[in-house]
Amino acid sequence: HYGLYQALELILEEGPEAVYERHLTHHHALVKGLEKLGLSMLVAPESRLPMLNSVMVPDNVDEAAIRTALLKEHKIEIGAGLGPLAGKIWRVGLMGHTARGENVERLLTALGRLL
């Protein structure tokens, strides 16, 4: 309950519209950076959620090894695909505090090194 209360307090403090715009801004930065790395998104632009980003894993990449290296070497955790998307996508969350430019840049830099 305390965590939910604090999260809602932060949203009200920043303003709901500003929170959404921040998430959208950093989603666009993430997509642009991923495209520069040669990666593409699973979902068409008009259907994307800025808070949850599904990134296609290139055929020649060991997706689990990249996720492990991100976590061990860079302290960055991203999700694996689930069900029929297992091994085919990464799930990158931009929610709350993680929806910040420095976090997006940190992920893009780490992915660029690992790929």
PDB file of N, CA and C in Angstrom:
ATOM      1  N   HIS A   1       0.813  -1.186   0.000  1.00  0.00           N
ATOM      2  CA  HIS A   1       0.000   0.000   0.000  1.00  0.00           C
ATOM      3  C   HIS A   1       0.864   1.261   0.000  1.00  0.00           C
ATOM      4  N   TYR A   2       1.949   1.204   0.787  1.00  0.00           N
ATOM      5  CA  TYR A   2       2.822   2.374   0.866  1.00  0.00           C
ATOM      6  C   TYR A   2       3.485   2.663  -0.483  1.00  0.00           C
ATOM      7  N   GLY A   3       3.901   1.601  -1.172  1.00  0.00           N
ATOM      8  CA  GLY A   3       4.532   1.762  -2.480  1.00  0.00           C
ATOM      9  C   GLY A   3       3.572   2.369  -3.488  1.00  0.00           C
ATOM     10  N   LEU A   4       2.337   1.894  -3.506  1.00  0.00           N
ATOM     11  CA  LEU A   4       1.326   2.433  -4.406  1.00  0.00           C
ATOM     12  C   LEU A   4       1.043   3.894  -4.076  1.00  0.00           C
ATOM     13  N   TYR A   5       0.912   4.197  -2.808  1.00  0.00           N
ATOM     14  CA  TYR A   5       0.674   5.574  -2.372  1.00  0.00           C
ATOM     15  C   TYR A   5       1.798   6.491  -2.857  1.00  0.00           C
ATOM     16  N   GLN A   6       3.055   6.052  -2.666  1.00  0.00           N
ATOM     17  CA  GLN A   6       4.192   6.880  -3.068  1.00  0.00           C
ATOM     18  C   GLN A   6       4.231   7.059  -4.579  1.00  0.00           C
ATOM     19  N   ALA A   7       3.961   5.987  -5.330  1.00  0.00           N
ATOM     20  CA  ALA A   7       3.956   6.072  -6.788  1.00  0.00           C
ATOM     21  C   ALA A   7       2.898   7.063  -7.273  1.00  0.00           C
ATOM     22  N   LEU A   8       1.718   6.988  -6.703  1.00  0.00           N
ATOM     23  CA  LEU A   8       0.653   7.914  -7.093  1.00  0.00           C
ATOM     24  C   LEU A   8       0.991   9.347  -6.698  1.00  0.00           C
ATOM     25  N   GLU A   9       1.621   9.504  -5.558  1.00  0.00           N
ATOM     26  CA  GLU A   9       2.057  10.827  -5.108  1.00  0.00           C
ATOM     27  C   GLU A   9       3.048  11.440  -6.106  1.00  0.00           C
ATOM     28  N   LEU A  10       3.998  10.631  -6.576  1.00  0.00           N
ATOM     29  CA  LEU A  10       4.980  11.120  -7.552  1.00  0.00           C
ATOM     30  C   LEU A  10       4.323  11.489  -8.876  1.00  0.00           C
ATOM     31  N   ILE A  11       3.349  10.698  -9.302  1.00  0.00           N
ATOM     32  CA  ILE A  11       2.628  10.999 -10.543  1.00  0.00           C
ATOM     33  C   ILE A  11       1.872  12.312 -10.412  1.00  0.00           C
ATOM     34  N   LEU A  12       1.192  12.500  -9.294  1.00  0.00           N
ATOM     35  CA  LEU A  12       0.452  13.745  -9.088  1.00  0.00           C
ATOM     36  C   LEU A  12       1.380  14.942  -8.979  1.00  0.00           C
ATOM     37  N   GLU A  13       2.542  14.731  -8.376  1.00  0.00           N
ATOM     38  CA  GLU A  13       3.526  15.792  -8.240  1.00  0.00           C
ATOM     39  C   GLU A  13       4.032  16.249  -9.607  1.00  0.00           C
ATOM     40  N   GLU A  14       4.369  15.292 -10.471  1.00  0.00           N
ATOM     41  CA  GLU A  14       4.880  15.613 -11.807  1.00  0.00           C
ATOM     42  C   GLU A  14       3.760  16.040 -12.749  1.00  0.00           C
ATOM     43  N   GLY A  15       2.589  15.500 -12.533  1.00  0.00           N
ATOM     44  CA  GLY A  15       1.446  15.761 -13.407  1.00  0.00           C
ATOM     45  C   GLY A  15       1.257  14.605 -14.366  1.00  0.00           C
ATOM     46  N   PRO A  16       0.047  14.036 -14.416  1.00  0.00           N
ATOM     47  CA  PRO A  16      -0.195  12.862 -15.266  1.00  0.00           C
ATOM     48  C   PRO A  16       0.180  13.078 -16.737  1.00  0.00           C
ATOM     49  N   GLU A  17      -0.123  14.258 -17.274  1.00  0.00           N
ATOM     50  CA  GLU A  17       0.212  14.529 -18.675  1.00  0.00           C
ATOM     51  C   GLU A  17       1.719  14.559 -18.873  1.00  0.00           C
ATOM     52  N   ALA A  18       2.432  15.163 -17.935  1.00  0.00           N
ATOM     53  CA  ALA A  18       3.889  15.239 -18.022  1.00  0.00           C
ATOM     54  C   ALA A  18       4.511  13.844 -17.897  1.00  0.00           C
ATOM     55  N   VAL A  19       3.942  13.014 -17.046  1.00  0.00           N
ATOM     56  CA  VAL A  19       4.440  11.641 -16.888  1.00  0.00           C
ATOM     57  C   VAL A  19       4.292  10.890 -18.207  1.00  0.00           C
ATOM     58  N   TYR A  20       3.127  11.007 -18.837  1.00  0.00           N
ATOM     59  CA  TYR A  20       2.905  10.315 -20.108  1.00  0.00           C
ATOM     60  C   TYR A  20       3.860  10.842 -21.178  1.00  0.00           C
ATOM     61  N   GLU A  21       4.025  12.142 -21.257  1.00  0.00           N
ATOM     62  CA  GLU A  21       4.930  12.735 -22.247  1.00  0.00           C
ATOM     63  C   GLU A  21       6.367  12.278 -22.024  1.00  0.00           C
ATOM     64  N   ARG A  22       6.788  12.192 -20.766  1.00  0.00           N
ATOM     65  CA  ARG A  22       8.145  11.718 -20.462  1.00  0.00           C
ATOM     66  C   ARG A  22       8.322  10.287 -20.955  1.00  0.00           C
ATOM     67  N   HIS A  23       7.348   9.441 -20.684  1.00  0.00           N
ATOM     68  CA  HIS A  23       7.433   8.056 -21.145  1.00  0.00           C
ATOM     69  C   HIS A  23       7.467   7.993 -22.680  1.00  0.00           C
ATOM     70  N   LEU A  24       6.636   8.781 -23.332  1.00  0.00           N
ATOM     71  CA  LEU A  24       6.580   8.786 -24.790  1.00  0.00           C
ATOM     72  C   LEU A  24       7.892   9.300 -25.390  1.00  0.00           C
ATOM     73  N   THR A  25       8.441  10.364 -24.823  1.00  0.00           N
ATOM     74  CA  THR A  25       9.704  10.934 -25.302  1.00  0.00           C
ATOM     75  C   THR A  25      10.823   9.912 -25.239  1.00  0.00           C
ATOM     76  N   HIS A  26      10.928   9.220 -24.116  1.00  0.00           N
ATOM     77  CA  HIS A  26      12.019   8.265 -23.959  1.00  0.00           C
ATOM     78  C   HIS A  26      11.775   6.981 -24.733  1.00  0.00           C
ATOM     79  N   HIS A  27      10.509   6.650 -24.961  1.00  0.00           N
ATOM     80  CA  HIS A  27      10.187   5.523 -25.853  1.00  0.00           C
ATOM     81  C   HIS A  27      10.708   5.825 -27.255  1.00  0.00           C
ATOM     82  N   HIS A  28      10.434   7.030 -27.758  1.00  0.00           N
ATOM     83  CA  HIS A  28      10.896   7.403 -29.106  1.00  0.00           C
ATOM     84  C   HIS A  28      12.424   7.400 -29.176  1.00  0.00           C
ATOM     85  N   ALA A  29      13.084   7.873 -28.130  1.00  0.00           N
ATOM     86  CA  ALA A  29      14.549   7.861 -28.098  1.00  0.00           C
ATOM     87  C   ALA A  29      15.071   6.430 -28.115  1.00  0.00           C
ATOM     88  N   LEU A  30      14.420   5.552 -27.371  1.00  0.00           N
ATOM     89  CA  LEU A  30      14.817   4.144 -27.348  1.00  0.00           C
ATOM     90  C   LEU A  30      14.666   3.524 -28.732  1.00  0.00           C
ATOM     91  N   VAL A  31      13.522   3.720 -29.357  1.00  0.00           N
ATOM     92  CA  VAL A  31      13.271   3.137 -30.681  1.00  0.00           C
ATOM     93  C   VAL A  31      14.305   3.650 -31.686  1.00  0.00           C
ATOM     94  N   LYS A  32      14.554   4.935 -31.681  1.00  0.00           N
ATOM     95  CA  LYS A  32      15.530   5.529 -32.609  1.00  0.00           C
ATOM     96  C   LYS A  32      16.918   4.932 -32.367  1.00  0.00           C
ATOM     97  N   GLY A  33      17.313   4.811 -31.106  1.00  0.00           N
ATOM     98  CA  GLY A  33      18.612   4.232 -30.784  1.00  0.00           C
ATOM     99  C   GLY A  33      18.716   2.768 -31.164  1.00  0.00           C
ATOM    100  N   LEU A  34      17.650   2.017 -30.939  1.00  0.00           N
ATOM    101  CA  LEU A  34      17.644   0.601 -31.319  1.00  0.00           C
ATOM    102  C   LEU A  34      17.767   0.450 -32.828  1.00  0.00           C
ATOM    103  N   GLU A  35      17.074   1.314 -33.555  1.00  0.00           N
ATOM    104  CA  GLU A  35      17.158   1.260 -35.020  1.00  0.00           C
ATOM    105  C   GLU A  35      18.573   1.561 -35.496  1.00  0.00           C
ATOM    106  N   LYS A  36      19.270   2.481 -34.836  1.00  0.00           N
ATOM    107  CA  LYS A  36      20.666   2.773 -35.180  1.00  0.00           C
ATOM    108  C   LYS A  36      21.557   1.558 -34.950  1.00  0.00           C
ATOM    109  N   LEU A  37      21.178   0.705 -34.011  1.00  0.00           N
ATOM    110  CA  LEU A  37      21.923  -0.522 -33.736  1.00  0.00           C
ATOM    111  C   LEU A  37      21.512  -1.658 -34.680  1.00  0.00           C
ATOM    112  N   GLY A  38      20.575  -1.387 -35.574  1.00  0.00           N
ATOM    113  CA  GLY A  38      20.118  -2.405 -36.513  1.00  0.00           C
ATOM    114  C   GLY A  38      19.011  -3.289 -35.975  1.00  0.00           C
ATOM    115  N   LEU A  39      18.402  -2.876 -34.865  1.00  0.00           N
ATOM    116  CA  LEU A  39      17.320  -3.651 -34.260  1.00  0.00           C
ATOM    117  C   LEU A  39      15.970  -3.064 -34.654  1.00  0.00           C
ATOM    118  N   SER A  40      14.944  -3.887 -34.621  1.00  0.00           N
ATOM    119  CA  SER A  40      13.607  -3.418 -34.960  1.00  0.00           C
ATOM    120  C   SER A  40      12.621  -3.814 -33.868  1.00  0.00           C
ATOM    121  N   MET A  41      11.499  -3.155 -33.886  1.00  0.00           N
ATOM    122  CA  MET A  41      10.454  -3.399 -32.905  1.00  0.00           C
ATOM    123  C   MET A  41       9.494  -4.461 -33.442  1.00  0.00           C
ATOM    124  N   LEU A  42       8.880  -5.201 -32.538  1.00  0.00           N
ATOM    125  CA  LEU A  42       7.899  -6.226 -32.907  1.00  0.00           C
ATOM    126  C   LEU A  42       6.581  -5.596 -33.342  1.00  0.00           C
ATOM    127  N   VAL A  43       6.168  -4.562 -32.630  1.00  0.00           N
ATOM    128  CA  VAL A  43       4.832  -3.988 -32.803  1.00  0.00           C
ATOM    129  C   VAL A  43       4.885  -2.767 -33.724  1.00  0.00           C
ATOM    130  N   ALA A  44       3.883  -2.626 -34.568  1.00  0.00           N
ATOM    131  CA  ALA A  44       3.777  -1.467 -35.461  1.00  0.00           C
ATOM    132  C   ALA A  44       3.682  -0.182 -34.628  1.00  0.00           C
ATOM    133  N   PRO A  45       4.238   0.923 -35.143  1.00  0.00           N
ATOM    134  CA  PRO A  45       4.274   2.177 -34.365  1.00  0.00           C
ATOM    135  C   PRO A  45       2.925   2.616 -33.797  1.00  0.00           C
ATOM    136  N   GLU A  46       1.868   2.464 -34.544  1.00  0.00           N
ATOM    137  CA  GLU A  46       0.561   2.941 -34.084  1.00  0.00           C
ATOM    138  C   GLU A  46      -0.039   2.094 -32.962  1.00  0.00           C
ATOM    139  N   SER A  47       0.535   0.922 -32.706  1.00  0.00           N
ATOM    140  CA  SER A  47       0.000   0.030 -31.680  1.00  0.00           C
ATOM    141  C   SER A  47       0.920  -0.134 -30.468  1.00  0.00           C
ATOM    142  N   ARG A  48       2.014   0.597 -30.434  1.00  0.00           N
ATOM    143  CA  ARG A  48       2.993   0.443 -29.352  1.00  0.00           C
ATOM    144  C   ARG A  48       2.555   1.127 -28.064  1.00  0.00           C
ATOM    145  N   LEU A  49       2.994   0.546 -26.956  1.00  0.00           N
ATOM    146  CA  LEU A  49       2.866   1.171 -25.645  1.00  0.00           C
ATOM    147  C   LEU A  49       4.239   1.724 -25.280  1.00  0.00           C
ATOM    148  N   PRO A  50       4.332   3.000 -24.929  1.00  0.00           N
ATOM    149  CA  PRO A  50       5.647   3.558 -24.616  1.00  0.00           C
ATOM    150  C   PRO A  50       6.299   2.927 -23.394  1.00  0.00           C
ATOM    151  N   MET A  51       5.523   2.303 -22.547  1.00  0.00           N
ATOM    152  CA  MET A  51       6.058   1.747 -21.306  1.00  0.00           C
ATOM    153  C   MET A  51       6.629   0.344 -21.469  1.00  0.00           C
ATOM    154  N   LEU A  52       6.198  -0.395 -22.490  1.00  0.00           N
ATOM    155  CA  LEU A  52       6.687  -1.758 -22.703  1.00  0.00           C
ATOM    156  C   LEU A  52       7.065  -1.924 -24.165  1.00  0.00           C
ATOM    157  N   ASN A  53       8.329  -2.165 -24.394  1.00  0.00           N
ATOM    158  CA  ASN A  53       8.880  -2.194 -25.746  1.00  0.00           C
ATOM    159  C   ASN A  53       9.351  -3.596 -26.095  1.00  0.00           C
ATOM    160  N   SER A  54       8.810  -4.146 -27.172  1.00  0.00           N
ATOM    161  CA  SER A  54       9.182  -5.481 -27.634  1.00  0.00           C
ATOM    162  C   SER A  54      10.146  -5.344 -28.802  1.00  0.00           C
ATOM    163  N   VAL A  55      11.378  -5.793 -28.570  1.00  0.00           N
ATOM    164  CA  VAL A  55      12.460  -5.630 -29.539  1.00  0.00           C
ATOM    165  C   VAL A  55      12.778  -6.978 -30.168  1.00  0.00           C
ATOM    166  N   MET A  56      12.800  -7.015 -31.487  1.00  0.00           N
ATOM    167  CA  MET A  56      13.126  -8.258 -32.194  1.00  0.00           C
ATOM    168  C   MET A  56      14.602  -8.584 -31.997  1.00  0.00           C
ATOM    169  N   VAL A  57      14.891  -9.841 -31.676  1.00  0.00           N
ATOM    170  CA  VAL A  57      16.273 -10.297 -31.528  1.00  0.00           C
ATOM    171  C   VAL A  57      16.746 -10.778 -32.902  1.00  0.00           C
ATOM    172  N   PRO A  58      17.887 -10.261 -33.368  1.00  0.00           N
ATOM    173  CA  PRO A  58      18.399 -10.726 -34.667  1.00  0.00           C
ATOM    174  C   PRO A  58      18.656 -12.239 -34.651  1.00  0.00           C
ATOM    175  N   ASP A  59      18.528 -12.871 -35.794  1.00  0.00           N
ATOM    176  CA  ASP A  59      18.671 -14.325 -35.908  1.00  0.00           C
ATOM    177  C   ASP A  59      20.015 -14.843 -35.401  1.00  0.00           C
ATOM    178  N   ASN A  60      21.068 -14.092 -35.613  1.00  0.00           N
ATOM    179  CA  ASN A  60      22.410 -14.577 -35.265  1.00  0.00           C
ATOM    180  C   ASN A  60      22.840 -14.231 -33.838  1.00  0.00           C
ATOM    181  N   VAL A  61      21.897 -13.809 -32.995  1.00  0.00           N
ATOM    182  CA  VAL A  61      22.221 -13.364 -31.638  1.00  0.00           C
ATOM    183  C   VAL A  61      21.642 -14.331 -30.615  1.00  0.00           C
ATOM    184  N   ASP A  62      22.462 -14.686 -29.621  1.00  0.00           N
ATOM    185  CA  ASP A  62      22.006 -15.507 -28.503  1.00  0.00           C
ATOM    186  C   ASP A  62      21.336 -14.567 -27.504  1.00  0.00           C
ATOM    187  N   GLU A  63      20.027 -14.501 -27.549  1.00  0.00           N
ATOM    188  CA  GLU A  63      19.308 -13.497 -26.757  1.00  0.00           C
ATOM    189  C   GLU A  63      19.527 -13.672 -25.257  1.00  0.00           C
ATOM    190  N   ALA A  64      19.595 -14.900 -24.793  1.00  0.00           N
ATOM    191  CA  ALA A  64      19.800 -15.142 -23.367  1.00  0.00           C
ATOM    192  C   ALA A  64      21.191 -14.691 -22.927  1.00  0.00           C
ATOM    193  N   ALA A  65      22.182 -14.889 -23.770  1.00  0.00           N
ATOM    194  CA  ALA A  65      23.549 -14.462 -23.444  1.00  0.00           C
ATOM    195  C   ALA A  65      23.618 -12.944 -23.335  1.00  0.00           C
ATOM    196  N   ILE A  66      22.920 -12.248 -24.194  1.00  0.00           N
ATOM    197  CA  ILE A  66      22.900 -10.779 -24.141  1.00  0.00           C
ATOM    198  C   ILE A  66      22.218 -10.317 -22.859  1.00  0.00           C
ATOM    199  N   ARG A  67      21.086 -10.921 -22.524  1.00  0.00           N
ATOM    200  CA  ARG A  67      20.388 -10.541 -21.289  1.00  0.00           C
ATOM    201  C   ARG A  67      21.258 -10.801 -20.065  1.00  0.00           C
ATOM    202  N   THR A  68      21.950 -11.938 -20.065  1.00  0.00           N
ATOM    203  CA  THR A  68      22.836 -12.274 -18.946  1.00  0.00           C
ATOM    204  C   THR A  68      23.974 -11.265 -18.839  1.00  0.00           C
ATOM    205  N   ALA A  69      24.586 -10.925 -19.960  1.00  0.00           N
ATOM    206  CA  ALA A  69      25.693  -9.956 -19.952  1.00  0.00           C
ATOM    207  C   ALA A  69      25.207  -8.575 -19.528  1.00  0.00           C
ATOM    208  N   LEU A  70      24.030  -8.183 -19.982  1.00  0.00           N
ATOM    209  CA  LEU A  70      23.475  -6.890 -19.563  1.00  0.00           C
ATOM    210  C   LEU A  70      23.346  -6.840 -18.047  1.00  0.00           C
ATOM    211  N   LEU A  71      22.859  -7.918 -17.478  1.00  0.00           N
ATOM    212  CA  LEU A  71      22.651  -7.952 -16.033  1.00  0.00           C
ATOM    213  C   LEU A  71      23.981  -8.022 -15.271  1.00  0.00           C
ATOM    214  N   LYS A  72      24.852  -8.932 -15.667  1.00  0.00           N
ATOM    215  CA  LYS A  72      26.105  -9.130 -14.936  1.00  0.00           C
ATOM    216  C   LYS A  72      27.095  -7.986 -15.119  1.00  0.00           C
ATOM    217  N   GLU A  73      27.230  -7.510 -16.346  1.00  0.00           N
ATOM    218  CA  GLU A  73      28.253  -6.505 -16.643  1.00  0.00           C
ATOM    219  C   GLU A  73      27.765  -5.069 -16.475  1.00  0.00           C
ATOM    220  N   HIS A  74      26.447  -4.853 -16.659  1.00  0.00           N
ATOM    221  CA  HIS A  74      25.935  -3.476 -16.680  1.00  0.00           C
ATOM    222  C   HIS A  74      24.823  -3.215 -15.666  1.00  0.00           C
ATOM    223  N   LYS A  75      24.415  -4.259 -14.942  1.00  0.00           N
ATOM    224  CA  LYS A  75      23.329  -4.131 -13.955  1.00  0.00           C
ATOM    225  C   LYS A  75      22.027  -3.631 -14.601  1.00  0.00           C
ATOM    226  N   ILE A  76      21.781  -4.106 -15.830  1.00  0.00           N
ATOM    227  CA  ILE A  76      20.566  -3.743 -16.564  1.00  0.00           C
ATOM    228  C   ILE A  76      19.781  -5.028 -16.802  1.00  0.00           C
ATOM    229  N   GLU A  77      18.525  -5.030 -16.407  1.00  0.00           N
ATOM    230  CA  GLU A  77      17.697  -6.217 -16.605  1.00  0.00           C
ATOM    231  C   GLU A  77      16.606  -5.930 -17.620  1.00  0.00           C
ATOM    232  N   ILE A  78      16.541  -6.782 -18.643  1.00  0.00           N
ATOM    233  CA  ILE A  78      15.448  -6.730 -19.612  1.00  0.00           C
ATOM    234  C   ILE A  78      14.810  -8.104 -19.638  1.00  0.00           C
ATOM    235  N   GLY A  79      13.571  -8.167 -20.095  1.00  0.00           N
ATOM    236  CA  GLY A  79      12.837  -9.422 -20.095  1.00  0.00           C
ATOM    237  C   GLY A  79      12.990 -10.194 -21.385  1.00  0.00           C
ATOM    238  N   ALA A  80      12.755 -11.479 -21.279  1.00  0.00           N
ATOM    239  CA  ALA A  80      12.754 -12.362 -22.443  1.00  0.00           C
ATOM    240  C   ALA A  80      11.343 -12.433 -23.010  1.00  0.00           C
ATOM    241  N   GLY A  81      11.252 -12.923 -24.216  1.00  0.00           N
ATOM    242  CA  GLY A  81       9.947 -13.177 -24.792  1.00  0.00           C
ATOM    243  C   GLY A  81       9.267 -14.326 -24.061  1.00  0.00           C
ATOM    244  N   LEU A  82       7.949 -14.331 -24.091  1.00  0.00           N
ATOM    245  CA  LEU A  82       7.172 -15.368 -23.419  1.00  0.00           C
ATOM    246  C   LEU A  82       6.372 -16.155 -24.453  1.00  0.00           C
ATOM    247  N   GLY A  83       6.080 -17.406 -24.130  1.00  0.00           N
ATOM    248  CA  GLY A  83       5.257 -18.240 -25.013  1.00  0.00           C
ATOM    249  C   GLY A  83       5.866 -18.347 -26.389  1.00  0.00           C
ATOM    250  N   PRO A  84       5.077 -18.081 -27.437  1.00  0.00           N
ATOM    251  CA  PRO A  84       5.589 -18.227 -28.811  1.00  0.00           C
ATOM    252  C   PRO A  84       6.679 -17.212 -29.154  1.00  0.00           C
ATOM    253  N   LEU A  85       6.863 -16.189 -28.324  1.00  0.00           N
ATOM    254  CA  LEU A  85       7.908 -15.191 -28.574  1.00  0.00           C
ATOM    255  C   LEU A  85       9.192 -15.477 -27.794  1.00  0.00           C
ATOM    256  N   ALA A  86       9.231 -16.576 -27.068  1.00  0.00           N
ATOM    257  CA  ALA A  86      10.436 -16.949 -26.316  1.00  0.00           C
ATOM    258  C   ALA A  86      11.609 -17.104 -27.274  1.00  0.00           C
ATOM    259  N   GLY A  87      12.721 -16.445 -26.950  1.00  0.00           N
ATOM    260  CA  GLY A  87      13.912 -16.507 -27.784  1.00  0.00           C
ATOM    261  C   GLY A  87      13.883 -15.604 -28.994  1.00  0.00           C
ATOM    262  N   LYS A  88      12.763 -14.904 -29.195  1.00  0.00           N
ATOM    263  CA  LYS A  88      12.608 -14.075 -30.400  1.00  0.00           C
ATOM    264  C   LYS A  88      12.589 -12.576 -30.113  1.00  0.00           C
ATOM    265  N   ILE A  89      12.244 -12.194 -28.878  1.00  0.00           N
ATOM    266  CA  ILE A  89      12.181 -10.772 -28.543  1.00  0.00           C
ATOM    267  C   ILE A  89      12.806 -10.525 -27.173  1.00  0.00           C
ATOM    268  N   TRP A  90      13.124  -9.251 -26.947  1.00  0.00           N
ATOM    269  CA  TRP A  90      13.435  -8.749 -25.611  1.00  0.00           C
ATOM    270  C   TRP A  90      12.318  -7.805 -25.223  1.00  0.00           C
ATOM    271  N   ARG A  91      11.972  -7.788 -23.952  1.00  0.00           N
ATOM    272  CA  ARG A  91      10.969  -6.853 -23.436  1.00  0.00           C
ATOM    273  C   ARG A  91      11.699  -5.804 -22.592  1.00  0.00           C
ATOM    274  N   VAL A  92      11.600  -4.557 -23.027  1.00  0.00           N
ATOM    275  CA  VAL A  92      12.293  -3.459 -22.357  1.00  0.00           C
ATOM    276  C   VAL A  92      11.243  -2.536 -21.747  1.00  0.00           C
ATOM    277  N   GLY A  93      11.243  -2.462 -20.435  1.00  0.00           N
ATOM    278  CA  GLY A  93      10.289  -1.613 -19.737  1.00  0.00           C
ATOM    279  C   GLY A  93      10.844  -0.215 -19.530  1.00  0.00           C
ATOM    280  N   LEU A  94      10.004   0.765 -19.797  1.00  0.00           N
ATOM    281  CA  LEU A  94      10.300   2.169 -19.494  1.00  0.00           C
ATOM    282  C   LEU A  94       9.162   2.652 -18.614  1.00  0.00           C
ATOM    283  N   MET A  95       9.253   2.324 -17.347  1.00  0.00           N
ATOM    284  CA  MET A  95       8.168   2.645 -16.431  1.00  0.00           C
ATOM    285  C   MET A  95       8.714   3.393 -15.225  1.00  0.00           C
ATOM    286  N   GLY A  96       7.985   4.387 -14.799  1.00  0.00           N
ATOM    287  CA  GLY A  96       8.378   5.122 -13.605  1.00  0.00           C
ATOM    288  C   GLY A  96       9.753   5.734 -13.751  1.00  0.00           C
ATOM    289  N   HIS A  97      10.619   5.461 -12.774  1.00  0.00           N
ATOM    290  CA  HIS A  97      11.956   6.065 -12.753  1.00  0.00           C
ATOM    291  C   HIS A  97      12.825   5.633 -13.936  1.00  0.00           C
ATOM    292  N   THR A  98      12.575   4.455 -14.494  1.00  0.00           N
ATOM    293  CA  THR A  98      13.405   4.002 -15.609  1.00  0.00           C
ATOM    294  C   THR A  98      13.159   4.802 -16.882  1.00  0.00           C
ATOM    295  N   ALA A  99      12.063   5.514 -16.959  1.00  0.00           N
ATOM    296  CA  ALA A  99      11.754   6.333 -18.142  1.00  0.00           C
ATOM    297  C   ALA A  99      12.505   7.658 -18.051  1.00  0.00           C
ATOM    298  N   ARG A 100      13.820   7.563 -18.142  1.00  0.00           N
ATOM    299  CA  ARG A 100      14.721   8.711 -18.070  1.00  0.00           C
ATOM    300  C   ARG A 100      15.756   8.579 -19.176  1.00  0.00           C
ATOM    301  N   GLY A 101      16.179   9.698 -19.707  1.00  0.00           N
ATOM    302  CA  GLY A 101      17.143   9.706 -20.799  1.00  0.00           C
ATOM    303  C   GLY A 101      18.421   8.968 -20.478  1.00  0.00           C
ATOM    304  N   GLU A 102      18.929   9.161 -19.258  1.00  0.00           N
ATOM    305  CA  GLU A 102      20.195   8.507 -18.891  1.00  0.00           C
ATOM    306  C   GLU A 102      20.062   6.987 -18.862  1.00  0.00           C
ATOM    307  N   ASN A 103      18.890   6.489 -18.517  1.00  0.00           N
ATOM    308  CA  ASN A 103      18.677   5.039 -18.494  1.00  0.00           C
ATOM    309  C   ASN A 103      18.580   4.476 -19.907  1.00  0.00           C
ATOM    310  N   VAL A 104      17.904   5.191 -20.788  1.00  0.00           N
ATOM    311  CA  VAL A 104      17.796   4.762 -22.183  1.00  0.00           C
ATOM    312  C   VAL A 104      19.186   4.745 -22.811  1.00  0.00           C
ATOM    313  N   GLU A 105      19.946   5.808 -22.598  1.00  0.00           N
ATOM    314  CA  GLU A 105      21.297   5.895 -23.170  1.00  0.00           C
ATOM    315  C   GLU A 105      22.202   4.790 -22.624  1.00  0.00           C
ATOM    316  N   ARG A 106      22.080   4.509 -21.351  1.00  0.00           N
ATOM    317  CA  ARG A 106      22.888   3.450 -20.731  1.00  0.00           C
ATOM    318  C   ARG A 106      22.592   2.092 -21.364  1.00  0.00           C
ATOM    319  N   LEU A 107      21.309   1.798 -21.571  1.00  0.00           N
ATOM    320  CA  LEU A 107      20.930   0.538 -22.215  1.00  0.00           C
ATOM    321  C   LEU A 107      21.446   0.484 -23.646  1.00  0.00           C
ATOM    322  N   LEU A 108      21.252   1.551 -24.405  1.00  0.00           N
ATOM    323  CA  LEU A 108      21.689   1.567 -25.802  1.00  0.00           C
ATOM    324  C   LEU A 108      23.203   1.395 -25.910  1.00  0.00           C
ATOM    325  N   THR A 109      23.935   2.046 -25.036  1.00  0.00           N
ATOM    326  CA  THR A 109      25.400   1.927 -25.051  1.00  0.00           C
ATOM    327  C   THR A 109      25.824   0.487 -24.740  1.00  0.00           C
ATOM    328  N   ALA A 110      25.208  -0.094 -23.716  1.00  0.00           N
ATOM    329  CA  ALA A 110      25.543  -1.473 -23.339  1.00  0.00           C
ATOM    330  C   ALA A 110      25.187  -2.446 -24.453  1.00  0.00           C
ATOM    331  N   LEU A 111      24.011  -2.305 -25.031  1.00  0.00           N
ATOM    332  CA  LEU A 111      23.611  -3.192 -26.128  1.00  0.00           C
ATOM    333  C   LEU A 111      24.561  -3.043 -27.307  1.00  0.00           C
ATOM    334  N   GLY A 112      24.932  -1.810 -27.623  1.00  0.00           N
ATOM    335  CA  GLY A 112      25.856  -1.575 -28.725  1.00  0.00           C
ATOM    336  C   GLY A 112      27.175  -2.296 -28.519  1.00  0.00           C
ATOM    337  N   ARG A 113      27.678  -2.282 -27.303  1.00  0.00           N
ATOM    338  CA  ARG A 113      28.943  -2.982 -26.994  1.00  0.00           C
ATOM    339  C   ARG A 113      28.779  -4.499 -27.108  1.00  0.00           C
ATOM    340  N   LEU A 114      27.665  -5.007 -26.609  1.00  0.00           N
ATOM    341  CA  LEU A 114      27.463  -6.451 -26.588  1.00  0.00           C
ATOM    342  C   LEU A 114      27.124  -7.041 -27.954  1.00  0.00           C
ATOM    343  N   LEU A 115      26.460  -6.262 -28.777  1.00  0.00           N
ATOM    344  CA  LEU A 115      26.079  -6.769 -30.093  1.00  0.00           C
ATOM    345  C   LEU A 115      27.248  -6.661 -31.057  1.00  0.00           C
TER     346      LEU A 115
END
